[in-house]
Amino acid sequence: MSYEDMRFTLLLPEGSEVKAPEKACTKCGATKPTTEFNKHRKSKDGLQTWCRVCTTEAARAYNKRQKAKANRSAGQKKRWKKEKTMEKKQAGVSGEAFLKSLDTPDPVNSPEHYRTGGIECIDAMVRVFGDEAVRTYARINAFKYIWRHQYKGKPEEDLAKAAWYTRFANGDDPRKEGKQ
């Protein structure tokens, strides 16, 4: 009897089978042997939550979408952008009409979601961080709104917010105009 045979004979009772550990895939729901899962060091069991088949299918679908997106011609991109702009205009989503159509009283100067807790967020920031730090934040925020205004679907509102933050950064509080 070889060393290997003796070792397995000691560990396993006669007639018993070695069953590989199993795990359920969270994407397809099938229970598969752990050998069907890729490694993932940060997870508790050291394995990914999706099986190899589901991971491969998801990666292929993602790559297909990215390739289709990259292969669009400049003309197609311009037409798509123009169509989106026309849809917004037909829906009355431009300039002052857009601002008036919103449920909030003033989404640029005093958005409702910034006035919770009895104090406006920017006023609380001034109290906590100081005037100069909040002015620096306002400059950075204005830059952010200008940078992404074409991509969020509300370019006029984003540019108005950029102007608001620029004025605030320069020491002029635009909210005071509405409180007169």
N, C-alpha and C. Protein backbone atom coordinates (compact mmCIF):
# COMPACT_ATOMS: atom_id res chain seq x y z
N MET A 1 0.86 -1.18 0.00
CA MET A 1 0.00 0.00 0.00
C MET A 1 0.90 1.24 0.00
N SER A 2 0.61 2.18 -0.89
CA SER A 2 1.42 3.39 -0.98
C SER A 2 1.05 4.36 0.13
N TYR A 3 1.89 5.35 0.29
CA TYR A 3 1.65 6.37 1.31
C TYR A 3 0.33 7.10 1.04
N GLU A 4 0.06 7.45 -0.23
CA GLU A 4 -1.17 8.17 -0.59
C GLU A 4 -2.40 7.34 -0.26
N ASP A 5 -2.38 6.04 -0.61
CA ASP A 5 -3.52 5.18 -0.32
C ASP A 5 -3.77 5.08 1.18
N MET A 6 -2.68 4.97 1.93
CA MET A 6 -2.79 4.84 3.37
C MET A 6 -3.35 6.13 3.98
N ARG A 7 -2.90 7.25 3.48
CA ARG A 7 -3.35 8.54 4.02
C ARG A 7 -4.85 8.72 3.81
N PHE A 8 -5.37 8.44 2.62
CA PHE A 8 -6.79 8.59 2.35
C PHE A 8 -7.62 7.54 3.07
N THR A 9 -7.06 6.39 3.28
CA THR A 9 -7.77 5.34 4.01
C THR A 9 -7.97 5.76 5.46
N LEU A 10 -7.00 6.44 6.02
CA LEU A 10 -7.11 6.87 7.40
C LEU A 10 -8.11 8.02 7.56
N LEU A 11 -8.17 8.88 6.56
CA LEU A 11 -9.03 10.06 6.68
C LEU A 11 -10.49 9.76 6.39
N LEU A 12 -10.77 8.89 5.43
CA LEU A 12 -12.14 8.64 5.01
C LEU A 12 -12.58 7.24 5.42
N PRO A 13 -13.78 7.15 5.96
CA PRO A 13 -14.30 5.81 6.25
C PRO A 13 -14.57 5.06 4.94
N GLU A 14 -14.52 3.78 4.98
CA GLU A 14 -14.70 2.97 3.79
C GLU A 14 -16.10 3.17 3.21
N GLY A 15 -16.18 3.31 1.90
CA GLY A 15 -17.44 3.47 1.21
C GLY A 15 -17.96 4.91 1.15
N SER A 16 -17.26 5.86 1.76
CA SER A 16 -17.74 7.25 1.73
C SER A 16 -17.15 7.98 0.53
N GLU A 17 -17.88 8.99 0.05
CA GLU A 17 -17.46 9.78 -1.11
C GLU A 17 -16.97 11.15 -0.66
N VAL A 18 -16.07 11.69 -1.43
CA VAL A 18 -15.62 13.06 -1.19
C VAL A 18 -16.52 13.95 -2.04
N LYS A 19 -17.25 14.85 -1.40
CA LYS A 19 -18.15 15.76 -2.12
C LYS A 19 -17.54 17.16 -2.10
N ALA A 20 -17.41 17.74 -3.28
CA ALA A 20 -16.83 19.07 -3.39
C ALA A 20 -17.78 20.09 -2.77
N PRO A 21 -17.23 21.11 -2.11
CA PRO A 21 -18.10 22.15 -1.55
C PRO A 21 -18.86 22.88 -2.66
N GLU A 22 -20.06 23.35 -2.35
CA GLU A 22 -20.90 24.01 -3.34
C GLU A 22 -21.26 25.42 -2.89
N LYS A 23 -21.70 26.20 -3.86
CA LYS A 23 -22.10 27.59 -3.59
C LYS A 23 -23.18 27.97 -4.59
N ALA A 24 -24.11 28.83 -4.16
CA ALA A 24 -25.18 29.29 -5.05
C ALA A 24 -24.76 30.58 -5.74
N CYS A 25 -24.97 30.65 -7.04
CA CYS A 25 -24.69 31.85 -7.82
C CYS A 25 -25.83 32.85 -7.57
N THR A 26 -25.48 34.09 -7.23
CA THR A 26 -26.53 35.08 -6.94
C THR A 26 -27.18 35.62 -8.20
N LYS A 27 -26.58 35.39 -9.36
CA LYS A 27 -27.18 35.87 -10.61
C LYS A 27 -28.16 34.85 -11.19
N CYS A 28 -27.72 33.61 -11.39
CA CYS A 28 -28.60 32.61 -12.01
C CYS A 28 -29.32 31.75 -10.97
N GLY A 29 -28.86 31.76 -9.73
CA GLY A 29 -29.52 31.01 -8.66
C GLY A 29 -29.15 29.54 -8.59
N ALA A 30 -28.32 29.06 -9.52
CA ALA A 30 -27.94 27.65 -9.53
C ALA A 30 -26.88 27.37 -8.47
N THR A 31 -26.97 26.20 -7.85
CA THR A 31 -25.95 25.76 -6.91
C THR A 31 -24.92 24.96 -7.68
N LYS A 32 -23.66 25.41 -7.59
CA LYS A 32 -22.59 24.80 -8.37
C LYS A 32 -21.39 24.53 -7.46
N PRO A 33 -20.48 23.64 -7.88
CA PRO A 33 -19.26 23.43 -7.09
C PRO A 33 -18.45 24.71 -7.03
N THR A 34 -17.71 24.88 -5.96
CA THR A 34 -16.93 26.12 -5.79
C THR A 34 -15.86 26.27 -6.87
N THR A 35 -15.54 25.20 -7.56
CA THR A 35 -14.57 25.30 -8.66
C THR A 35 -15.15 26.08 -9.84
N GLU A 36 -16.46 26.33 -9.85
CA GLU A 36 -17.12 27.08 -10.92
C GLU A 36 -17.17 28.58 -10.62
N PHE A 37 -16.49 29.03 -9.57
CA PHE A 37 -16.47 30.43 -9.19
C PHE A 37 -15.03 30.95 -9.21
N ASN A 38 -14.85 32.17 -9.71
CA ASN A 38 -13.53 32.79 -9.69
C ASN A 38 -13.19 33.26 -8.28
N LYS A 39 -11.92 33.44 -8.03
CA LYS A 39 -11.47 33.88 -6.71
C LYS A 39 -11.74 35.37 -6.53
N HIS A 40 -11.97 35.74 -5.28
CA HIS A 40 -12.16 37.15 -4.90
C HIS A 40 -11.67 37.29 -3.45
N ARG A 41 -10.50 37.87 -3.30
CA ARG A 41 -9.84 37.90 -1.99
C ARG A 41 -10.64 38.62 -0.91
N LYS A 42 -11.43 39.60 -1.28
CA LYS A 42 -12.11 40.41 -0.27
C LYS A 42 -13.42 39.80 0.24
N SER A 43 -13.92 38.77 -0.42
CA SER A 43 -15.16 38.16 0.06
C SER A 43 -14.86 37.17 1.19
N LYS A 44 -15.88 36.89 1.99
CA LYS A 44 -15.69 36.02 3.15
C LYS A 44 -15.21 34.63 2.77
N ASP A 45 -15.80 34.06 1.71
CA ASP A 45 -15.41 32.71 1.32
C ASP A 45 -14.29 32.69 0.27
N GLY A 46 -13.83 33.87 -0.14
CA GLY A 46 -12.73 33.96 -1.09
C GLY A 46 -13.15 33.76 -2.54
N LEU A 47 -14.46 33.75 -2.79
CA LEU A 47 -14.97 33.52 -4.14
C LEU A 47 -15.93 34.63 -4.56
N GLN A 48 -16.07 34.83 -5.89
CA GLN A 48 -17.03 35.80 -6.40
C GLN A 48 -18.45 35.30 -6.15
N THR A 49 -19.41 36.21 -6.20
CA THR A 49 -20.80 35.83 -5.95
C THR A 49 -21.47 35.26 -7.19
N TRP A 50 -20.96 35.59 -8.39
CA TRP A 50 -21.51 35.06 -9.63
C TRP A 50 -20.62 33.92 -10.11
N CYS A 51 -21.22 32.89 -10.72
CA CYS A 51 -20.44 31.79 -11.27
C CYS A 51 -19.68 32.28 -12.51
N ARG A 52 -18.76 31.47 -13.00
CA ARG A 52 -17.94 31.86 -14.15
C ARG A 52 -18.78 32.09 -15.40
N VAL A 53 -19.80 31.29 -15.60
CA VAL A 53 -20.66 31.43 -16.79
C VAL A 53 -21.39 32.77 -16.76
N CYS A 54 -21.98 33.11 -15.61
CA CYS A 54 -22.71 34.39 -15.49
C CYS A 54 -21.76 35.58 -15.61
N THR A 55 -20.58 35.46 -15.03
CA THR A 55 -19.59 36.54 -15.10
C THR A 55 -19.18 36.77 -16.55
N THR A 56 -18.93 35.69 -17.28
CA THR A 56 -18.54 35.80 -18.69
C THR A 56 -19.65 36.41 -19.53
N GLU A 57 -20.89 35.97 -19.31
CA GLU A 57 -22.03 36.52 -20.06
C GLU A 57 -22.19 38.01 -19.80
N ALA A 58 -22.07 38.41 -18.53
CA ALA A 58 -22.21 39.83 -18.18
C ALA A 58 -21.09 40.65 -18.81
N ALA A 59 -19.87 40.12 -18.81
CA ALA A 59 -18.73 40.84 -19.41
C ALA A 59 -18.92 40.99 -20.91
N ARG A 60 -19.40 39.93 -21.56
CA ARG A 60 -19.63 40.01 -23.01
C ARG A 60 -20.71 41.03 -23.35
N ALA A 61 -21.79 41.05 -22.57
CA ALA A 61 -22.86 42.02 -22.81
C ALA A 61 -22.36 43.44 -22.61
N TYR A 62 -21.57 43.66 -21.55
CA TYR A 62 -21.02 44.98 -21.28
C TYR A 62 -20.11 45.42 -22.42
N ASN A 63 -19.21 44.53 -22.84
CA ASN A 63 -18.29 44.86 -23.94
C ASN A 63 -19.03 45.16 -25.23
N LYS A 64 -20.11 44.44 -25.48
CA LYS A 64 -20.91 44.68 -26.69
C LYS A 64 -21.53 46.08 -26.64
N ARG A 65 -22.07 46.46 -25.46
CA ARG A 65 -22.66 47.81 -25.33
C ARG A 65 -21.59 48.89 -25.51
N GLN A 66 -20.42 48.67 -24.92
CA GLN A 66 -19.35 49.67 -25.02
C GLN A 66 -18.87 49.80 -26.46
N LYS A 67 -18.76 48.67 -27.16
CA LYS A 67 -18.30 48.69 -28.55
C LYS A 67 -19.31 49.43 -29.43
N ALA A 68 -20.60 49.16 -29.21
CA ALA A 68 -21.64 49.84 -29.99
C ALA A 68 -21.60 51.34 -29.72
N LYS A 69 -21.37 51.71 -28.47
CA LYS A 69 -21.31 53.12 -28.10
C LYS A 69 -20.10 53.80 -28.75
N ALA A 70 -18.96 53.11 -28.76
CA ALA A 70 -17.74 53.68 -29.33
C ALA A 70 -17.80 53.77 -30.85
N ASN A 71 -18.56 52.88 -31.48
CA ASN A 71 -18.60 52.84 -32.94
C ASN A 71 -19.56 53.86 -33.54
N ARG A 72 -20.28 54.60 -32.72
CA ARG A 72 -21.17 55.62 -33.29
C ARG A 72 -20.34 56.69 -33.97
N SER A 73 -20.78 57.12 -35.11
CA SER A 73 -20.06 58.18 -35.82
C SER A 73 -20.37 59.53 -35.17
N ALA A 74 -19.56 60.51 -35.50
CA ALA A 74 -19.77 61.85 -34.96
C ALA A 74 -21.12 62.38 -35.40
N GLY A 75 -21.53 62.05 -36.63
CA GLY A 75 -22.83 62.48 -37.14
C GLY A 75 -23.98 61.87 -36.35
N GLN A 76 -23.84 60.58 -36.01
CA GLN A 76 -24.87 59.92 -35.22
C GLN A 76 -24.98 60.56 -33.84
N LYS A 77 -23.83 60.87 -33.24
CA LYS A 77 -23.83 61.49 -31.92
C LYS A 77 -24.51 62.86 -31.96
N LYS A 78 -24.22 63.65 -33.01
CA LYS A 78 -24.84 64.97 -33.14
C LYS A 78 -26.34 64.85 -33.34
N ARG A 79 -26.78 63.89 -34.18
CA ARG A 79 -28.21 63.70 -34.41
C ARG A 79 -28.92 63.29 -33.13
N TRP A 80 -28.29 62.38 -32.38
CA TRP A 80 -28.88 61.93 -31.12
C TRP A 80 -29.02 63.11 -30.15
N LYS A 81 -27.98 63.92 -30.05
CA LYS A 81 -28.01 65.09 -29.16
C LYS A 81 -29.09 66.08 -29.62
N LYS A 82 -29.19 66.29 -30.92
CA LYS A 82 -30.19 67.22 -31.45
C LYS A 82 -31.60 66.71 -31.18
N GLU A 83 -31.82 65.39 -31.34
CA GLU A 83 -33.13 64.80 -31.06
C GLU A 83 -33.51 64.98 -29.60
N LYS A 84 -32.55 64.77 -28.71
CA LYS A 84 -32.83 64.93 -27.28
C LYS A 84 -33.19 66.38 -26.96
N THR A 85 -32.47 67.32 -27.57
CA THR A 85 -32.76 68.74 -27.35
C THR A 85 -34.15 69.08 -27.86
N MET A 86 -34.52 68.56 -29.03
CA MET A 86 -35.84 68.83 -29.58
C MET A 86 -36.94 68.25 -28.69
N GLU A 87 -36.71 67.04 -28.15
CA GLU A 87 -37.69 66.43 -27.25
C GLU A 87 -37.90 67.31 -26.03
N LYS A 88 -36.83 67.85 -25.49
CA LYS A 88 -36.93 68.71 -24.30
C LYS A 88 -37.67 70.00 -24.63
N LYS A 89 -37.37 70.57 -25.79
CA LYS A 89 -38.05 71.81 -26.17
C LYS A 89 -39.54 71.58 -26.38
N GLN A 90 -39.89 70.47 -27.02
CA GLN A 90 -41.30 70.15 -27.24
C GLN A 90 -42.03 69.93 -25.92
N ALA A 91 -41.30 69.43 -24.93
CA ALA A 91 -41.90 69.20 -23.62
C ALA A 91 -41.89 70.48 -22.77
N GLY A 92 -41.38 71.57 -23.34
CA GLY A 92 -41.32 72.83 -22.59
C GLY A 92 -40.23 72.85 -21.56
N VAL A 93 -39.11 72.19 -21.84
CA VAL A 93 -38.03 72.08 -20.88
C VAL A 93 -36.88 72.96 -21.32
N SER A 94 -37.09 74.25 -21.41
CA SER A 94 -35.99 75.14 -21.76
C SER A 94 -36.13 76.46 -21.01
N GLY A 95 -35.02 76.99 -20.63
CA GLY A 95 -34.94 78.31 -20.01
C GLY A 95 -35.85 78.51 -18.82
N GLU A 96 -36.53 79.67 -18.79
CA GLU A 96 -37.40 80.03 -17.67
C GLU A 96 -38.62 79.12 -17.57
N ALA A 97 -39.11 78.62 -18.71
CA ALA A 97 -40.26 77.71 -18.68
C ALA A 97 -39.92 76.46 -17.88
N PHE A 98 -38.67 76.02 -18.02
CA PHE A 98 -38.24 74.84 -17.27
C PHE A 98 -38.24 75.13 -15.78
N LEU A 99 -37.67 76.26 -15.40
CA LEU A 99 -37.58 76.61 -13.98
C LEU A 99 -38.97 76.77 -13.37
N LYS A 100 -39.90 77.35 -14.12
CA LYS A 100 -41.24 77.55 -13.60
C LYS A 100 -42.02 76.25 -13.49
N SER A 101 -41.65 75.27 -14.34
CA SER A 101 -42.38 74.00 -14.35
C SER A 101 -42.05 73.11 -13.17
N LEU A 102 -40.98 73.40 -12.48
CA LEU A 102 -40.59 72.56 -11.35
C LEU A 102 -41.48 72.80 -10.14
N ASP A 103 -41.67 71.77 -9.34
CA ASP A 103 -42.51 71.88 -8.15
C ASP A 103 -41.87 72.74 -7.07
N THR A 104 -40.53 72.74 -7.00
CA THR A 104 -39.85 73.52 -5.97
C THR A 104 -39.98 75.00 -6.30
N PRO A 105 -40.06 75.84 -5.26
CA PRO A 105 -40.22 77.28 -5.49
C PRO A 105 -39.08 77.87 -6.33
N ASP A 106 -37.83 77.50 -6.03
CA ASP A 106 -36.70 78.02 -6.77
C ASP A 106 -35.57 77.00 -6.71
N PRO A 107 -35.42 76.17 -7.73
CA PRO A 107 -34.43 75.11 -7.69
C PRO A 107 -32.99 75.59 -7.75
N VAL A 108 -32.77 76.85 -8.11
CA VAL A 108 -31.40 77.36 -8.20
C VAL A 108 -31.03 78.13 -6.93
N ASN A 109 -31.84 79.11 -6.55
CA ASN A 109 -31.49 79.97 -5.41
C ASN A 109 -31.75 79.35 -4.05
N SER A 110 -32.75 78.52 -3.95
CA SER A 110 -33.08 77.94 -2.65
C SER A 110 -33.84 76.63 -2.83
N PRO A 111 -33.12 75.58 -3.26
CA PRO A 111 -33.80 74.29 -3.48
C PRO A 111 -34.41 73.74 -2.19
N GLU A 112 -35.56 73.13 -2.32
CA GLU A 112 -36.28 72.62 -1.16
C GLU A 112 -35.47 71.58 -0.39
N HIS A 113 -34.77 70.71 -1.12
CA HIS A 113 -34.02 69.65 -0.45
C HIS A 113 -32.79 70.18 0.29
N TYR A 114 -32.44 71.44 0.14
CA TYR A 114 -31.33 72.04 0.90
C TYR A 114 -31.83 72.76 2.16
N ARG A 115 -33.16 72.83 2.35
CA ARG A 115 -33.70 73.59 3.48
C ARG A 115 -34.34 72.68 4.53
N THR A 116 -33.76 71.56 4.82
CA THR A 116 -34.30 70.68 5.86
C THR A 116 -33.63 70.99 7.19
N GLY A 117 -34.33 70.79 8.25
CA GLY A 117 -33.76 71.00 9.57
C GLY A 117 -33.76 72.45 10.03
N GLY A 118 -34.52 73.32 9.37
CA GLY A 118 -34.63 74.70 9.82
C GLY A 118 -33.49 75.61 9.40
N ILE A 119 -32.49 75.09 8.70
CA ILE A 119 -31.37 75.92 8.23
C ILE A 119 -30.97 75.43 6.85
N GLU A 120 -30.60 76.35 5.99
CA GLU A 120 -30.17 75.95 4.67
C GLU A 120 -28.76 75.37 4.76
N CYS A 121 -28.50 74.39 3.96
CA CYS A 121 -27.25 73.64 4.01
C CYS A 121 -26.02 74.56 3.93
N ILE A 122 -26.03 75.50 3.02
CA ILE A 122 -24.85 76.35 2.84
C ILE A 122 -24.60 77.23 4.06
N ASP A 123 -25.68 77.64 4.76
CA ASP A 123 -25.51 78.42 5.99
C ASP A 123 -24.91 77.56 7.10
N ALA A 124 -25.33 76.31 7.18
CA ALA A 124 -24.75 75.39 8.16
C ALA A 124 -23.28 75.15 7.85
N MET A 125 -22.95 75.06 6.57
CA MET A 125 -21.54 74.86 6.18
C MET A 125 -20.69 76.05 6.59
N VAL A 126 -21.21 77.26 6.43
CA VAL A 126 -20.46 78.46 6.84
C VAL A 126 -20.20 78.43 8.34
N ARG A 127 -21.21 78.03 9.12
CA ARG A 127 -21.04 77.96 10.57
C ARG A 127 -20.02 76.91 11.00
N VAL A 128 -20.02 75.78 10.29
CA VAL A 128 -19.13 74.68 10.67
C VAL A 128 -17.71 74.88 10.12
N PHE A 129 -17.59 75.22 8.84
CA PHE A 129 -16.28 75.26 8.19
C PHE A 129 -15.69 76.66 8.04
N GLY A 130 -16.50 77.68 8.18
CA GLY A 130 -16.02 79.05 8.02
C GLY A 130 -16.30 79.58 6.63
N ASP A 131 -16.33 80.90 6.53
CA ASP A 131 -16.69 81.58 5.29
C ASP A 131 -15.72 81.27 4.15
N GLU A 132 -14.42 81.32 4.41
CA GLU A 132 -13.44 81.14 3.35
C GLU A 132 -13.48 79.72 2.77
N ALA A 133 -13.64 78.73 3.62
CA ALA A 133 -13.71 77.34 3.13
C ALA A 133 -14.95 77.13 2.26
N VAL A 134 -16.06 77.74 2.64
CA VAL A 134 -17.29 77.57 1.86
C VAL A 134 -17.19 78.33 0.54
N ARG A 135 -16.50 79.46 0.54
CA ARG A 135 -16.29 80.18 -0.73
C ARG A 135 -15.44 79.34 -1.69
N THR A 136 -14.42 78.67 -1.16
CA THR A 136 -13.60 77.77 -1.98
C THR A 136 -14.46 76.63 -2.52
N TYR A 137 -15.29 76.07 -1.66
CA TYR A 137 -16.23 75.01 -2.09
C TYR A 137 -17.14 75.53 -3.20
N ALA A 138 -17.61 76.77 -3.08
CA ALA A 138 -18.51 77.35 -4.08
C ALA A 138 -17.80 77.48 -5.43
N ARG A 139 -16.52 77.89 -5.41
CA ARG A 139 -15.76 77.98 -6.66
C ARG A 139 -15.65 76.61 -7.32
N ILE A 140 -15.35 75.60 -6.52
CA ILE A 140 -15.20 74.23 -7.04
C ILE A 140 -16.54 73.73 -7.57
N ASN A 141 -17.61 74.02 -6.86
CA ASN A 141 -18.93 73.58 -7.29
C ASN A 141 -19.34 74.26 -8.60
N ALA A 142 -19.02 75.55 -8.75
CA ALA A 142 -19.33 76.27 -10.00
C ALA A 142 -18.60 75.61 -11.16
N PHE A 143 -17.33 75.27 -10.93
CA PHE A 143 -16.55 74.58 -11.96
C PHE A 143 -17.22 73.27 -12.36
N LYS A 144 -17.68 72.50 -11.36
CA LYS A 144 -18.33 71.20 -11.60
C LYS A 144 -19.59 71.37 -12.45
N TYR A 145 -20.43 72.36 -12.10
CA TYR A 145 -21.67 72.56 -12.85
C TYR A 145 -21.39 72.98 -14.30
N ILE A 146 -20.38 73.80 -14.51
CA ILE A 146 -20.02 74.20 -15.88
C ILE A 146 -19.48 73.00 -16.64
N TRP A 147 -18.65 72.22 -15.99
CA TRP A 147 -18.02 71.06 -16.63
C TRP A 147 -19.05 70.07 -17.17
N ARG A 148 -20.09 69.78 -16.40
CA ARG A 148 -21.01 68.71 -16.77
C ARG A 148 -22.38 69.21 -17.25
N HIS A 149 -22.55 70.50 -17.49
CA HIS A 149 -23.88 71.03 -17.81
C HIS A 149 -24.49 70.43 -19.09
N GLN A 150 -23.67 70.01 -20.03
CA GLN A 150 -24.19 69.49 -21.29
C GLN A 150 -24.64 68.03 -21.18
N TYR A 151 -24.29 67.36 -20.10
CA TYR A 151 -24.48 65.92 -20.04
C TYR A 151 -25.58 65.45 -19.09
N LYS A 152 -26.16 66.32 -18.30
CA LYS A 152 -27.13 65.90 -17.30
C LYS A 152 -28.58 66.07 -17.74
N GLY A 153 -28.82 66.77 -18.80
CA GLY A 153 -30.19 66.93 -19.28
C GLY A 153 -30.84 68.24 -18.87
N LYS A 154 -30.18 69.03 -18.04
CA LYS A 154 -30.73 70.32 -17.61
C LYS A 154 -29.63 71.38 -17.73
N PRO A 155 -29.16 71.67 -18.95
CA PRO A 155 -28.02 72.58 -19.08
C PRO A 155 -28.29 74.00 -18.58
N GLU A 156 -29.51 74.50 -18.82
CA GLU A 156 -29.81 75.87 -18.38
C GLU A 156 -29.78 75.96 -16.86
N GLU A 157 -30.37 74.97 -16.20
CA GLU A 157 -30.40 74.97 -14.74
C GLU A 157 -28.99 74.82 -14.17
N ASP A 158 -28.17 73.95 -14.77
CA ASP A 158 -26.82 73.76 -14.28
C ASP A 158 -25.98 75.03 -14.46
N LEU A 159 -26.15 75.73 -15.57
CA LEU A 159 -25.42 76.98 -15.76
C LEU A 159 -25.90 78.05 -14.78
N ALA A 160 -27.19 78.06 -14.48
CA ALA A 160 -27.71 79.00 -13.49
C ALA A 160 -27.13 78.69 -12.10
N LYS A 161 -27.00 77.40 -11.79
CA LYS A 161 -26.39 77.02 -10.51
C LYS A 161 -24.92 77.41 -10.47
N ALA A 162 -24.22 77.25 -11.60
CA ALA A 162 -22.81 77.66 -11.67
C ALA A 162 -22.68 79.16 -11.40
N ALA A 163 -23.59 79.94 -12.00
CA ALA A 163 -23.58 81.40 -11.77
C ALA A 163 -23.88 81.70 -10.31
N TRP A 164 -24.82 80.96 -9.71
CA TRP A 164 -25.16 81.16 -8.31
C TRP A 164 -23.94 80.92 -7.43
N TYR A 165 -23.24 79.81 -7.65
CA TYR A 165 -22.07 79.49 -6.83
C TYR A 165 -20.93 80.47 -7.08
N THR A 166 -20.80 80.96 -8.31
CA THR A 166 -19.76 81.95 -8.60
C THR A 166 -20.04 83.24 -7.83
N ARG A 167 -21.30 83.69 -7.84
CA ARG A 167 -21.65 84.89 -7.07
C ARG A 167 -21.41 84.69 -5.58
N PHE A 168 -21.80 83.53 -5.06
CA PHE A 168 -21.60 83.25 -3.64
C PHE A 168 -20.11 83.23 -3.30
N ALA A 169 -19.29 82.67 -4.20
CA ALA A 169 -17.84 82.63 -3.97
C ALA A 169 -17.25 84.01 -3.93
N ASN A 170 -17.88 84.96 -4.64
CA ASN A 170 -17.39 86.33 -4.66
C ASN A 170 -17.99 87.20 -3.55
N GLY A 171 -18.71 86.58 -2.63
CA GLY A 171 -19.24 87.31 -1.48
C GLY A 171 -20.64 87.88 -1.68
N ASP A 172 -21.26 87.60 -2.80
CA ASP A 172 -22.60 88.10 -3.10
C ASP A 172 -23.59 86.94 -2.93
N ASP A 173 -24.49 87.03 -1.94
CA ASP A 173 -25.43 85.94 -1.68
C ASP A 173 -26.66 86.12 -2.57
N PRO A 174 -26.82 85.31 -3.61
CA PRO A 174 -27.95 85.47 -4.55
C PRO A 174 -29.31 85.25 -3.92
N ARG A 175 -29.38 84.62 -2.77
CA ARG A 175 -30.66 84.36 -2.12
C ARG A 175 -31.29 85.66 -1.60
N LYS A 176 -30.49 86.66 -1.35
CA LYS A 176 -31.00 87.92 -0.80
C LYS A 176 -31.90 88.66 -1.75
N GLU A 177 -31.75 88.42 -3.07
CA GLU A 177 -32.59 89.11 -4.06
C GLU A 177 -34.06 88.71 -3.91
N GLY A 178 -34.32 87.45 -3.60
CA GLY A 178 -35.69 86.99 -3.48
C GLY A 178 -36.33 87.35 -2.15
N LYS A 179 -35.55 87.81 -1.16
CA LYS A 179 -36.08 88.09 0.18
C LYS A 179 -36.39 89.56 0.40
N GLN A 180 -36.26 90.38 -0.63
CA GLN A 180 -36.46 91.81 -0.45
C GLN A 180 -37.89 92.19 -0.21
